[in-house]
Amino acid sequence: MVLLCAASACGGSSRPRDVRASVRDGAVEVSWDAAPLIVVHRVQLVDLDSGKPASDAMIVRGARAVIPGIASGVVVEAVPGGRATGVVGAGAQGGSGSAWQVFAPWDFRGGTLSADFAELAVGERLAVLVVNFGGQDQAQAEVTVDGAGDPGTAMAVAPQRDWPSAAAVPGLHEVLRAREAALALEPAAPAEALQAGPRGSFCVVRGLDFSRHVRKPATLAASTAHAEIYLDDDDLGEYEGPEVQTLVSAFEDRVWPAMVSAFGPPGDVDGNGKLLVLLTHELGAHLNGGWLIGYFGNADLLQARDDSADCSDGGSNHGEIVYLNDLRGGQANGYAAQDLLASVYPATLAHELQHLLNFERRCVEQPCDGPEEVWINEALSKVAEDLAGFGWNSSGGRAEGSAYLGRPAGTLRGYDGRSLTQWEGDPIGNYQGVHSFLRLFTDRKGSDLVARVAFGAGGVQGLEEALGVPLPYAMAQWASALLLSNEVDARYSYSGAGWSPLHDRLRHLDTRSPGRLSLRRDGIAAVLSGPGLDSPARITVRSRSETPPYVVVARTSATLPAR
C-alpha cells in the first residue's frame, strides 16, 4: 500500500496510517488505517499552503469519512493519540480544470488517470509534472494530451561538461558517509585539551582510504578569532602569506557569522575554542574520476585523539576539524588560486561546517540512532553555502543550478535523471536537486527553516514537521517552482536576489513532449503540451506500477518555452 506521508506532527503507535483522500462529487472522501484499539478520530480539511483549517472538524467512529468541501489536505487525529496529515487528490472524475491540481496515486483507475478541461485557450499550455514519490526506480509512465497543438521541437540536450563542485564528486562523500553512519552509534569520547602552537601534526586519510592513516607534520599559517589554519609541511611551497589571508578573511567575515547565526556555535571537544582547518594534498588530486575539495569526518568528534607515531590507533584528531585539498590540486582541476582561496574553499568550509554542527548536535551531545539522512544533510549544507554568500549567489553556483534544470547525459544528470532521496553522489543531479528543493522552502519560509530541519526530529518526519506539509506535496510544490517560478500567476516561486527570477538568473526547465517516461524513485519529470485550440482538452497518464505517481497538472501561458 502507499504510505501517504510520515506524520507532520506528533504521535507514536496510535497515529493513523496510510491516509488516502480524494475529491468526489464536491466533497472529500477520506480513509485510513487506524491504530489498534483506536476507534474515534477527529478529521478536518486543511489548506496545506497556509496551514489553516478548511472545514469544521468532524468526530468519526471508524476509519472512513466524507467531509463536505474541497481542500488540498486533511488531518486525521486519533482520539486520544497522534495525527497524520495527508494530501487530498483531485480525484478520479477528471479533476476541476483549475489552474493547479494534484492527483494522487489512488486516483488512478485500472492504471489510468485523466484530467479534463472544458476549454484550453490558444494562449495556454498544460504542464504535467510527474512525482514518483515512493514508486519503484525506473518506473514507466506515459502522458498523452488531446485537444492541444504541436508542443514544438524539444531543444537538443547540451553536450555534457564537467561542472566543478565545491562539495563533492561521485563516490567520494559516499565512502565517507557509509563508514561514518556506523560511527554515530559509538559513545563520544571525553573532551581533551589540544595544545595550540606554530607546529602541529595530524592523522590524515589518503584519498579517503580509511583503512590507513598517515601522520602529517603541519605549520600554523593563520590564527584567527575562530579558526586555526594549518598547512601540510609538504605543501608549504605552494602558499604565500597574502594568499592564505584571503581565505582567513572570507572565513571570518562571511562563513563563521553565517553559520553561527543559522546553526549556533560548534562545541569544543578539543578545548581550543576554534575550528581547525588543515590544507593537504593527501585528499588526492583525482579520485574515481573527480576531485575532493574538502570533508569533515565524524570520528574526529567521537573518538579519542590518536597520539601514536603512525596513526595506528584509530586516526582521530579529536577536534572540530575540516580538511581541504591543497592549492596545487585545485589548480590541476582548473581553478585559479585566487578563486580557490576567495570562494571555493570558503564555500566548502560553510558546507562542511554544517555537517560538523549537525552531527555534533545530533550524535555527540546526545546518543543517537544514526546521523541525518544523507540527502537532507547535503541539502542543508548546500543552503549553508548560500547563507555564507556563495552557492547560488555566485555565477559558478548558478551554472551548476542551471545544469540541473537541463537533462545532460552521462555521469552528471539533470533534474529527471536522479532521485531526490536516493543518493548517488552526482554533483548536479543529486547535490543541485536537494539544493533547489530546500532553497525553495528557505525562500518561502525564511532562513530559520534550516535550523528547524537541522535540529528537529531528523529524517523525513523531521523535515515534514519543519515544512508543515507531507513530502509528496512538498515535491509537487518544488517541481512546480522549477518549471513556473516567477512566471505570471506562478503558485510557487524562488525569491532570493541571487537566483530570481529563476529563469533569468539560471534558465528555464527542459521539459519533454508528451510520450513515455522513465521515472526515478522519488524523482520527477516534466511534460509540456502544445498550445490550446480553444476547445476541450484532456491529459491522460498511464502507469502500471504498483505505486503510481502523484501527478500535478497546471495551466500555464503558451509563451512558456517548450524545451
Protein backbone atom coordinates (compact mmCIF):
# COMPACT_ATOMS: atom_id res chain seq x y z
CA MET A 1 0.00 0.00 0.00
CA VAL A 2 1.05 3.61 -0.49
CA LEU A 3 2.03 5.42 2.66
CA LEU A 4 0.89 8.96 2.06
CA CYS A 5 3.24 10.64 4.44
CA ALA A 6 5.04 10.48 7.69
CA ALA A 7 3.31 12.46 10.41
CA SER A 8 3.51 16.18 10.06
CA ALA A 9 3.01 16.38 13.79
CA CYS A 10 3.35 14.21 16.83
CA GLY A 11 2.21 10.72 17.61
CA GLY A 12 3.62 7.29 18.07
CA SER A 13 1.98 3.93 17.51
CA SER A 14 -1.52 5.45 17.91
CA ARG A 15 -1.01 7.54 14.82
CA PRO A 16 -3.28 6.81 11.82
CA ARG A 17 -1.50 5.27 8.82
CA ASP A 18 -1.97 5.24 5.05
CA VAL A 19 -4.27 8.23 4.90
CA ARG A 20 -5.94 8.49 1.48
CA ALA A 21 -8.20 11.33 0.45
CA SER A 22 -9.76 12.36 -2.86
CA VAL A 23 -12.36 14.77 -4.16
CA ARG A 24 -15.63 13.21 -5.27
CA ASP A 25 -18.91 14.99 -6.04
CA GLY A 26 -17.93 18.19 -4.25
CA ALA A 27 -16.74 16.51 -1.06
CA VAL A 28 -13.58 14.80 0.19
CA GLU A 29 -13.64 11.07 0.81
CA VAL A 30 -11.06 10.03 3.39
CA SER A 31 -9.92 6.61 4.59
CA TRP A 32 -7.05 5.47 6.78
CA ASP A 33 -5.66 2.58 8.77
CA ALA A 34 -6.44 3.05 12.44
CA ALA A 35 -4.02 2.01 15.15
CA PRO A 36 -5.04 -0.97 17.30
CA LEU A 37 -7.68 -0.15 19.91
CA ILE A 38 -8.27 3.33 18.46
CA VAL A 39 -11.90 3.80 17.40
CA VAL A 40 -12.55 7.55 17.48
CA HIS A 41 -10.82 10.05 15.18
CA ARG A 42 -11.01 13.78 14.59
CA VAL A 43 -10.93 14.62 10.86
CA GLN A 44 -10.57 18.09 9.34
CA LEU A 45 -9.73 19.53 5.93
CA VAL A 46 -6.78 21.93 5.82
CA ASP A 47 -5.17 24.22 3.29
CA LEU A 48 -1.64 22.86 3.02
CA ASP A 49 -0.19 26.12 1.70
CA SER A 50 -1.39 28.27 4.60
CA GLY A 51 -1.83 25.60 7.28
CA LYS A 52 -5.29 26.95 8.04
CA PRO A 53 -8.40 24.79 8.60
CA ALA A 54 -10.66 24.47 5.53
CA SER A 55 -13.64 22.81 7.24
CA ASP A 56 -15.13 22.18 10.62
CA ALA A 57 -13.64 19.23 12.49
CA MET A 58 -15.64 16.01 12.33
CA ILE A 59 -15.60 13.29 15.01
CA VAL A 60 -15.69 9.86 13.36
CA ARG A 61 -16.06 6.36 14.77
CA GLY A 62 -14.20 4.05 12.42
CA ALA A 63 -11.69 4.74 9.64
CA ARG A 64 -13.68 6.47 6.90
CA ALA A 65 -15.25 9.89 6.47
CA VAL A 66 -16.87 12.10 3.85
CA ILE A 67 -16.28 15.80 4.53
CA PRO A 68 -18.20 18.49 2.62
CA GLY A 69 -15.95 20.94 0.81
CA ILE A 70 -12.68 20.83 -1.09
CA ALA A 71 -9.15 21.38 0.20
CA SER A 72 -5.56 20.40 -0.56
CA GLY A 73 -5.03 18.44 2.66
CA VAL A 74 -6.65 16.58 5.52
CA VAL A 75 -5.64 15.93 9.12
CA VAL A 76 -6.70 12.69 10.80
CA GLU A 77 -6.12 12.61 14.55
CA ALA A 78 -6.65 9.64 16.83
CA VAL A 79 -8.66 10.43 19.98
CA PRO A 80 -6.61 10.09 22.03
CA GLY A 81 -3.32 9.78 20.15
CA GLY A 82 -1.22 11.05 17.30
CA ARG A 83 -2.18 12.54 14.00
CA ALA A 84 -1.24 12.33 10.32
CA THR A 85 -1.54 14.92 7.57
CA GLY A 86 -2.37 13.75 4.06
CA VAL A 87 -2.75 15.10 0.54
CA VAL A 88 -6.22 15.35 -0.98
CA GLY A 89 -6.05 14.05 -4.54
CA ALA A 90 -8.06 15.75 -7.27
CA GLY A 91 -9.99 12.50 -7.75
CA ALA A 92 -10.93 10.01 -10.42
CA GLN A 93 -13.60 12.19 -12.07
CA GLY A 94 -11.24 14.26 -14.21
CA GLY A 95 -10.41 16.98 -11.70
CA SER A 96 -11.74 20.51 -11.57
CA GLY A 97 -10.00 22.09 -14.56
CA SER A 98 -8.44 24.63 -12.22
CA ALA A 99 -5.04 26.29 -12.65
CA TRP A 100 -3.12 23.85 -10.43
CA GLN A 101 -4.21 20.38 -9.32
CA VAL A 102 -2.54 17.41 -7.63
CA PHE A 103 -3.76 13.91 -8.42
CA ALA A 104 -2.76 11.15 -6.00
CA PRO A 105 -1.73 7.54 -6.72
CA TRP A 106 -5.13 6.26 -5.56
CA ASP A 107 -6.87 8.47 -8.14
CA PHE A 108 -5.71 6.09 -10.89
CA ARG A 109 -8.30 3.59 -12.14
CA GLY A 110 -7.02 0.50 -13.90
CA GLY A 111 -3.63 2.15 -14.29
CA THR A 112 -5.09 5.27 -15.94
CA LEU A 113 -5.63 8.83 -14.71
CA SER A 114 -7.42 11.63 -16.58
CA ALA A 115 -7.57 15.39 -16.12
CA ASP A 116 -10.26 17.16 -18.14
CA PHE A 117 -10.54 20.81 -19.20
CA ALA A 118 -13.71 22.26 -20.66
CA GLU A 119 -11.65 24.64 -22.78
CA LEU A 120 -7.93 25.21 -23.31
CA ALA A 121 -7.33 28.59 -24.91
CA VAL A 122 -4.87 29.22 -27.71
CA GLY A 123 -2.76 31.26 -25.29
CA GLU A 124 -2.42 28.35 -22.84
CA ARG A 125 -0.41 25.18 -22.43
CA LEU A 126 -0.83 22.31 -19.96
CA ALA A 127 2.11 21.31 -17.80
CA VAL A 128 2.23 17.79 -16.38
CA LEU A 129 4.65 17.20 -13.50
CA VAL A 130 5.04 13.55 -12.56
CA VAL A 131 6.23 12.99 -8.98
CA ASN A 132 7.26 9.37 -8.40
CA PHE A 133 7.10 9.55 -4.61
CA GLY A 134 7.59 6.09 -3.11
CA GLY A 135 7.43 4.47 -6.54
CA GLN A 136 9.80 1.93 -7.98
CA ASP A 137 13.04 3.06 -9.59
CA GLN A 138 12.91 3.30 -13.41
CA ALA A 139 9.10 3.10 -13.29
CA GLN A 140 7.45 3.55 -16.67
CA ALA A 141 4.64 6.02 -17.33
CA GLU A 142 3.03 7.58 -20.39
CA VAL A 143 1.49 11.03 -20.79
CA THR A 144 -0.85 11.86 -23.69
CA VAL A 145 -2.62 15.13 -24.45
CA ASP A 146 -5.77 15.57 -26.50
CA GLY A 147 -7.05 18.97 -27.53
CA ALA A 148 -3.72 20.80 -27.84
CA GLY A 149 -1.47 21.70 -30.74
CA ASP A 150 2.05 20.57 -31.58
CA PRO A 151 4.22 21.01 -28.45
CA GLY A 152 7.14 22.15 -30.60
CA THR A 153 10.53 20.68 -31.13
CA ALA A 154 12.34 19.93 -27.90
CA MET A 155 15.66 21.67 -27.50
CA ALA A 156 18.63 19.41 -28.11
CA VAL A 157 20.39 18.30 -24.94
CA ALA A 158 23.53 20.35 -24.43
CA PRO A 159 26.83 18.49 -24.55
CA GLN A 160 27.93 17.32 -21.14
CA ARG A 161 30.64 19.27 -19.42
CA ASP A 162 32.41 18.73 -16.16
CA TRP A 163 30.82 21.06 -13.64
CA PRO A 164 33.14 21.77 -10.70
CA SER A 165 31.54 21.28 -7.30
CA ALA A 166 32.58 22.86 -4.03
CA ALA A 167 31.13 19.95 -2.09
CA ALA A 168 31.80 16.56 -3.61
CA VAL A 169 32.22 14.37 -6.65
CA PRO A 170 30.66 10.95 -7.33
CA GLY A 171 31.74 8.18 -5.00
CA LEU A 172 33.84 10.26 -2.57
CA HIS A 173 31.48 11.51 0.12
CA GLU A 174 29.56 8.24 -0.20
CA VAL A 175 32.60 6.31 1.02
CA LEU A 176 32.88 8.65 3.95
CA ARG A 177 29.20 8.71 4.92
CA ALA A 178 28.74 4.93 4.67
CA ARG A 179 31.65 4.36 7.04
CA GLU A 180 30.57 7.03 9.48
CA ALA A 181 26.91 6.05 9.80
CA ALA A 182 28.15 3.18 11.99
CA LEU A 183 30.43 5.52 13.96
CA ALA A 184 27.41 7.54 15.05
CA LEU A 185 26.36 4.69 17.33
CA GLU A 186 29.58 4.88 19.35
CA PRO A 187 29.62 6.81 22.65
CA ALA A 188 31.54 10.08 22.39
CA ALA A 189 34.99 10.22 23.97
CA PRO A 190 35.53 12.77 26.76
CA ALA A 191 36.79 16.20 25.73
CA GLU A 192 40.56 16.59 25.82
CA ALA A 193 42.60 19.78 25.50
CA LEU A 194 44.71 20.42 22.41
CA GLN A 195 47.92 22.39 22.85
CA ALA A 196 47.94 25.07 20.17
CA GLY A 197 51.21 26.21 18.65
CA PRO A 198 53.05 27.14 15.47
CA ARG A 199 53.68 23.46 14.71
CA GLY A 200 51.30 20.53 14.78
CA SER A 201 50.74 17.08 13.37
CA PHE A 202 47.56 15.41 12.22
CA CYS A 203 46.33 12.00 11.23
CA VAL A 204 45.15 12.16 7.62
CA VAL A 205 43.38 9.68 5.38
CA ARG A 206 44.99 9.34 1.98
CA GLY A 207 42.36 9.58 -0.73
CA LEU A 208 39.58 8.55 1.69
CA ASP A 209 41.16 5.14 2.25
CA PHE A 210 40.08 4.75 5.87
CA SER A 211 42.00 1.52 6.24
CA ARG A 212 45.14 3.61 6.70
CA HIS A 213 46.01 6.97 8.21
CA VAL A 214 49.33 8.81 7.93
CA ARG A 215 50.76 11.37 10.32
CA LYS A 216 51.42 14.72 8.68
CA PRO A 217 53.51 17.50 10.26
CA ALA A 218 51.86 20.86 9.64
CA THR A 219 52.63 24.54 10.17
CA LEU A 220 50.18 27.09 11.58
CA ALA A 221 49.58 29.60 8.78
CA ALA A 222 46.93 31.73 10.47
CA SER A 223 45.29 32.00 13.87
CA THR A 224 42.01 33.93 13.94
CA ALA A 225 39.31 34.54 16.49
CA HIS A 226 37.53 31.36 15.43
CA ALA A 227 39.96 29.18 13.48
CA GLU A 228 43.46 27.73 13.36
CA ILE A 229 44.54 27.15 9.75
CA TYR A 230 47.38 24.67 9.20
CA LEU A 231 49.29 23.79 6.04
CA ASP A 232 50.79 20.35 5.37
CA ASP A 233 54.57 20.85 5.62
CA ASP A 234 54.99 19.02 2.32
CA ASP A 235 52.87 21.71 0.63
CA LEU A 236 54.34 24.89 2.16
CA GLY A 237 55.98 25.99 -1.08
CA GLU A 238 52.56 26.39 -2.69
CA TYR A 239 51.48 29.27 -0.47
CA GLU A 240 52.39 32.87 0.16
CA GLY A 241 51.24 34.76 3.23
CA PRO A 242 48.82 37.12 1.44
CA GLU A 243 47.14 34.19 -0.28
CA VAL A 244 46.20 32.47 2.96
CA GLN A 245 44.91 35.78 4.30
CA THR A 246 42.29 35.74 1.55
CA LEU A 247 40.89 32.51 2.98
CA VAL A 248 41.12 33.87 6.53
CA SER A 249 39.13 36.98 5.64
CA ALA A 250 36.42 35.04 3.83
CA PHE A 251 36.04 32.66 6.76
CA GLU A 252 35.88 35.32 9.46
CA ASP A 253 33.79 37.84 7.52
CA ARG A 254 31.33 35.52 5.81
CA VAL A 255 31.44 31.85 6.76
CA TRP A 256 31.63 31.97 10.56
CA PRO A 257 28.95 34.68 11.10
CA ALA A 258 26.52 32.98 8.72
CA MET A 259 26.96 29.51 10.20
CA VAL A 260 26.71 30.63 13.82
CA SER A 261 23.66 32.76 13.04
CA ALA A 262 21.90 29.86 11.30
CA PHE A 263 23.01 26.86 13.37
CA GLY A 264 24.69 28.15 16.53
CA PRO A 265 28.37 27.77 17.51
CA PRO A 266 30.12 24.40 17.46
CA GLY A 267 31.05 22.50 20.59
CA ASP A 268 34.63 22.28 21.78
CA VAL A 269 35.81 18.69 22.20
CA ASP A 270 39.47 19.77 22.00
CA GLY A 271 39.18 22.76 24.35
CA ASN A 272 40.72 25.30 21.98
CA GLY A 273 37.54 27.23 21.21
CA LYS A 274 38.26 27.21 17.48
CA LEU A 275 37.71 25.31 14.25
CA LEU A 276 40.79 23.53 12.93
CA VAL A 277 41.42 23.63 9.18
CA LEU A 278 44.12 21.54 7.53
CA LEU A 279 45.06 22.00 3.88
CA THR A 280 46.82 18.93 2.48
CA HIS A 281 47.45 17.24 -0.84
CA GLU A 282 46.68 13.89 0.80
CA LEU A 283 43.00 14.24 -0.11
CA GLY A 284 44.09 13.27 -3.62
CA ALA A 285 44.36 15.04 -6.95
CA HIS A 286 41.99 12.68 -8.79
CA LEU A 287 39.77 10.07 -7.18
CA ASN A 288 37.19 7.99 -9.02
CA GLY A 289 37.28 10.43 -11.91
CA GLY A 290 36.78 13.52 -9.74
CA TRP A 291 38.38 15.75 -7.17
CA LEU A 292 37.58 16.00 -3.47
CA ILE A 293 37.77 19.61 -2.32
CA GLY A 294 37.18 19.00 1.37
CA TYR A 295 35.45 16.96 4.04
CA PHE A 296 34.62 16.61 7.72
CA GLY A 297 34.89 13.25 9.49
CA ASN A 298 32.60 12.11 12.31
CA ALA A 299 35.40 10.16 14.01
CA ASP A 300 37.20 13.40 14.85
CA LEU A 301 34.31 14.35 17.13
CA LEU A 302 33.60 10.93 18.62
CA GLN A 303 36.89 9.11 19.17
CA ALA A 304 39.79 9.89 21.48
CA ARG A 305 42.86 11.51 19.93
CA ASP A 306 45.33 9.16 18.30
CA ASP A 307 48.79 10.14 19.58
CA SER A 308 50.63 7.20 18.02
CA ALA A 309 53.57 7.97 15.74
CA ASP A 310 51.98 6.23 12.76
CA CYS A 311 48.29 6.99 13.46
CA SER A 312 47.62 3.31 14.03
CA ASP A 313 45.26 3.87 16.96
CA GLY A 314 42.12 4.88 15.05
CA GLY A 315 43.40 8.04 13.37
CA SER A 316 41.17 10.55 15.19
CA ASN A 317 42.41 14.11 15.70
CA HIS A 318 39.61 14.63 18.28
CA GLY A 319 38.67 18.15 17.42
CA GLU A 320 36.34 20.25 15.34
CA ILE A 321 38.37 19.95 12.13
CA VAL A 322 37.75 20.31 8.39
CA TYR A 323 40.20 19.06 5.77
CA LEU A 324 40.77 20.92 2.49
CA ASN A 325 42.74 19.92 -0.58
CA ASP A 326 45.89 21.85 -1.47
CA LEU A 327 46.26 24.69 -3.95
CA ARG A 328 48.16 22.63 -6.48
CA GLY A 329 45.38 20.06 -6.57
CA GLY A 330 42.82 22.77 -7.18
CA GLN A 331 44.86 24.34 -9.94
CA ALA A 332 45.29 20.95 -11.59
CA ASN A 333 41.49 20.74 -11.71
CA GLY A 334 41.05 24.07 -13.46
CA TYR A 335 40.73 26.56 -10.61
CA ALA A 336 42.80 29.70 -10.16
CA ALA A 337 44.49 30.07 -6.76
CA GLN A 338 42.60 33.31 -6.06
CA ASP A 339 39.24 31.66 -6.77
CA LEU A 340 40.09 28.71 -4.53
CA LEU A 341 41.00 30.88 -1.56
CA ALA A 342 38.32 33.54 -2.04
CA SER A 343 35.30 31.39 -2.85
CA VAL A 344 35.77 27.63 -3.42
CA TYR A 345 37.47 26.86 -0.10
CA PRO A 346 35.25 29.22 1.96
CA ALA A 347 32.12 27.72 0.38
CA THR A 348 33.44 24.26 1.24
CA LEU A 349 34.09 25.33 4.84
CA ALA A 350 30.47 26.50 5.11
CA HIS A 351 29.28 23.21 3.60
CA GLU A 352 31.39 21.02 5.88
CA LEU A 353 30.82 23.14 8.97
CA GLN A 354 27.09 22.46 8.63
CA HIS A 355 27.84 18.72 8.53
CA LEU A 356 30.01 19.12 11.65
CA LEU A 357 27.39 21.12 13.55
CA ASN A 358 24.62 18.78 12.50
CA PHE A 359 26.45 15.67 13.66
CA GLU A 360 27.68 17.31 16.85
CA ARG A 361 24.19 18.37 17.92
CA ARG A 362 22.57 15.10 16.86
CA CYS A 363 25.09 12.43 17.86
CA VAL A 364 27.83 13.88 20.08
CA GLU A 365 25.90 15.99 22.57
CA GLN A 366 23.40 13.14 22.97
CA PRO A 367 23.06 9.47 21.97
CA CYS A 368 21.55 8.93 18.53
CA ASP A 369 20.36 6.14 16.25
CA GLY A 370 22.43 7.48 13.37
CA PRO A 371 23.30 10.68 11.52
CA GLU A 372 20.83 12.70 9.46
CA GLU A 373 19.71 11.13 6.17
CA VAL A 374 22.31 11.93 3.53
CA TRP A 375 20.02 13.82 1.16
CA ILE A 376 18.65 16.08 3.88
CA ASN A 377 22.12 16.66 5.34
CA GLU A 378 23.51 17.61 1.93
CA ALA A 379 20.55 19.89 1.26
CA LEU A 380 21.31 21.75 4.48
CA SER A 381 24.97 22.09 3.53
CA LYS A 382 24.18 23.42 0.06
CA VAL A 383 21.89 26.08 1.54
CA ALA A 384 24.64 26.81 4.09
CA GLU A 385 26.83 27.81 1.15
CA ASP A 386 24.11 30.28 0.07
CA LEU A 387 23.84 31.69 3.59
CA ALA A 388 27.57 32.46 3.58
CA GLY A 389 27.23 34.33 0.29
CA PHE A 390 28.41 31.57 -2.03
CA GLY A 391 26.37 28.83 -3.73
CA TRP A 392 23.71 30.31 -5.99
CA ASN A 393 24.94 33.81 -5.12
CA SER A 394 27.90 33.19 -7.45
CA SER A 395 27.98 32.68 -11.21
CA GLY A 396 29.65 29.28 -10.75
CA GLY A 397 26.97 28.13 -8.32
CA ARG A 398 24.22 29.30 -10.64
CA ALA A 399 25.89 27.45 -13.51
CA GLU A 400 25.56 24.22 -11.53
CA GLY A 401 21.92 25.03 -10.79
CA SER A 402 21.36 25.74 -14.49
CA ALA A 403 22.80 22.35 -15.40
CA TYR A 404 20.29 20.71 -13.06
CA LEU A 405 17.39 22.34 -14.93
CA GLY A 406 18.58 20.63 -18.10
CA ARG A 407 18.93 16.96 -18.97
CA PRO A 408 22.66 16.26 -19.52
CA ALA A 409 23.54 12.64 -20.17
CA GLY A 410 26.42 10.60 -18.78
CA THR A 411 27.66 10.59 -15.21
CA LEU A 412 26.19 14.03 -14.49
CA ARG A 413 22.41 14.10 -14.79
CA GLY A 414 19.74 16.76 -14.69
CA TYR A 415 16.51 17.02 -12.75
CA ASP A 416 14.80 13.94 -14.19
CA GLY A 417 17.87 11.69 -14.14
CA ARG A 418 18.31 11.35 -10.37
CA SER A 419 16.21 10.69 -7.30
CA LEU A 420 15.69 13.41 -4.72
CA THR A 421 16.24 11.00 -1.82
CA GLN A 422 18.31 8.07 -3.17
CA TRP A 423 21.90 9.27 -3.07
CA GLU A 424 24.30 8.58 -5.95
CA GLY A 425 26.80 11.39 -5.39
CA ASP A 426 26.09 13.31 -8.61
CA PRO A 427 27.29 16.94 -8.12
CA ILE A 428 24.49 18.10 -10.40
CA GLY A 429 21.66 15.56 -10.27
CA ASN A 430 21.88 14.93 -6.51
CA TYR A 431 23.53 17.96 -4.94
CA GLN A 432 21.72 20.56 -7.05
CA GLY A 433 18.49 18.59 -6.72
CA VAL A 434 18.45 18.73 -2.93
CA HIS A 435 19.81 22.28 -3.04
CA SER A 436 16.98 23.51 -5.25
CA PHE A 437 14.44 21.68 -3.07
CA LEU A 438 15.46 23.15 0.28
CA ARG A 439 16.34 26.50 -1.31
CA LEU A 440 12.70 26.94 -2.40
CA PHE A 441 11.32 26.37 1.08
CA THR A 442 14.00 28.51 2.73
CA ASP A 443 12.97 31.34 0.39
CA ARG A 444 9.32 30.81 1.24
CA LYS A 445 9.57 30.22 5.00
CA GLY A 446 12.69 32.17 5.99
CA SER A 447 16.31 31.33 6.77
CA ASP A 448 15.39 29.96 10.21
CA LEU A 449 13.90 26.93 8.41
CA VAL A 450 17.33 25.33 8.10
CA ALA A 451 17.81 25.26 11.87
CA ARG A 452 14.35 23.73 12.36
CA VAL A 453 15.28 21.00 9.88
CA ALA A 454 18.81 20.50 11.22
CA PHE A 455 17.82 20.19 14.88
CA GLY A 456 14.38 18.65 14.55
CA ALA A 457 13.40 15.01 14.81
CA GLY A 458 15.51 14.10 11.78
CA GLY A 459 14.69 12.13 8.65
CA VAL A 460 11.55 12.63 6.60
CA GLN A 461 9.41 13.07 9.72
CA GLY A 462 11.55 15.95 10.95
CA LEU A 463 11.61 17.52 7.50
CA GLU A 464 7.83 17.32 7.18
CA GLU A 465 7.38 18.85 10.62
CA ALA A 466 9.61 21.78 9.63
CA LEU A 467 7.93 22.26 6.24
CA GLY A 468 4.42 21.76 7.61
CA VAL A 469 3.37 19.58 4.65
CA PRO A 470 3.76 15.92 3.62
CA LEU A 471 6.82 15.24 1.48
CA PRO A 472 4.91 14.32 -1.72
CA TYR A 473 3.08 17.65 -1.59
CA ALA A 474 6.38 19.46 -0.96
CA MET A 475 7.83 17.69 -4.00
CA ALA A 476 4.83 18.84 -6.05
CA GLN A 477 5.44 22.43 -4.96
CA TRP A 478 9.15 22.14 -5.77
CA ALA A 479 8.58 20.63 -9.23
CA SER A 480 6.07 23.40 -9.96
CA ALA A 481 8.56 26.08 -8.93
CA LEU A 482 11.32 24.62 -11.12
CA LEU A 483 9.02 24.93 -14.13
CA LEU A 484 6.99 28.04 -13.35
CA SER A 485 8.88 30.11 -10.76
CA ASN A 486 8.36 33.87 -11.19
CA GLU A 487 6.22 33.36 -14.29
CA VAL A 488 2.85 35.13 -14.49
CA ASP A 489 0.45 33.70 -11.87
CA ALA A 490 3.11 31.25 -10.59
CA ARG A 491 1.85 29.50 -7.48
CA TYR A 492 5.33 28.81 -6.04
CA SER A 493 8.45 30.88 -6.72
CA TYR A 494 12.03 31.34 -5.64
CA SER A 495 12.74 34.79 -4.24
CA GLY A 496 16.44 35.13 -3.38
CA ALA A 497 18.11 38.12 -5.00
CA GLY A 498 20.95 35.99 -6.35
CA TRP A 499 18.73 33.46 -8.13
CA SER A 500 15.41 35.05 -9.01
CA PRO A 501 13.70 35.46 -11.33
CA LEU A 502 14.85 31.86 -11.60
CA HIS A 503 14.55 31.57 -15.37
CA ASP A 504 16.55 34.76 -15.90
CA ARG A 505 19.26 34.08 -13.34
CA LEU A 506 19.56 30.36 -14.11
CA ARG A 507 17.45 29.09 -17.03
CA HIS A 508 14.11 27.53 -17.95
CA LEU A 509 13.45 23.90 -17.15
CA ASP A 510 13.95 21.46 -20.01
CA THR A 511 10.59 19.74 -20.50
CA ARG A 512 9.57 16.71 -22.53
CA SER A 513 6.89 16.37 -25.15
CA PRO A 514 4.01 14.01 -24.29
CA GLY A 515 5.01 10.38 -24.52
CA ARG A 516 6.68 7.67 -22.50
CA LEU A 517 8.68 8.46 -19.35
CA SER A 518 11.15 6.57 -17.20
CA LEU A 519 10.97 7.75 -13.59
CA ARG A 520 13.48 7.55 -10.78
CA ARG A 521 12.23 6.58 -7.32
CA ASP A 522 11.33 9.84 -5.55
CA GLY A 523 12.18 11.59 -8.82
CA ILE A 524 10.28 14.00 -11.04
CA ALA A 525 9.61 14.53 -14.74
CA ALA A 526 8.08 17.47 -16.60
CA VAL A 527 5.91 17.35 -19.74
CA LEU A 528 4.59 20.39 -21.61
CA SER A 529 1.73 20.28 -24.09
CA GLY A 530 1.33 22.36 -27.20
CA PRO A 531 -0.88 25.47 -27.21
CA GLY A 532 -4.60 25.05 -26.69
CA LEU A 533 -7.10 25.02 -29.57
CA ASP A 534 -9.95 26.92 -27.90
CA SER A 535 -11.56 23.53 -27.36
CA PRO A 536 -11.84 20.86 -24.65
CA ALA A 537 -8.59 19.17 -23.64
CA ARG A 538 -7.66 16.04 -21.74
CA ILE A 539 -4.47 14.83 -20.04
CA THR A 540 -4.15 11.06 -19.69
CA VAL A 541 -1.42 9.44 -17.59
CA ARG A 542 -0.90 5.69 -17.67
CA SER A 543 1.12 3.73 -15.13
CA ARG A 544 1.33 0.01 -14.44
CA SER A 545 3.41 0.44 -11.30
CA GLU A 546 2.18 -0.96 -8.00
CA THR A 547 2.61 2.56 -6.65
CA PRO A 548 1.58 5.05 -9.36
CA PRO A 549 2.99 8.56 -9.23
CA TYR A 550 1.48 11.78 -7.99
CA VAL A 551 0.59 13.98 -10.95
CA VAL A 552 0.47 17.79 -10.95
CA VAL A 553 -1.45 19.37 -13.82
CA ALA A 554 -1.07 23.13 -14.25
CA ARG A 555 -2.41 25.61 -16.76
CA THR A 556 0.30 27.94 -17.96
CA SER A 557 0.93 30.50 -20.64
CA ALA A 558 1.73 29.33 -24.16
CA THR A 559 4.68 31.74 -24.03
CA LEU A 560 6.47 29.36 -21.64
CA PRO A 561 9.14 27.88 -23.91
CA ALA A 562 8.95 24.21 -24.86
CA ARG A 563 12.48 22.93 -24.37
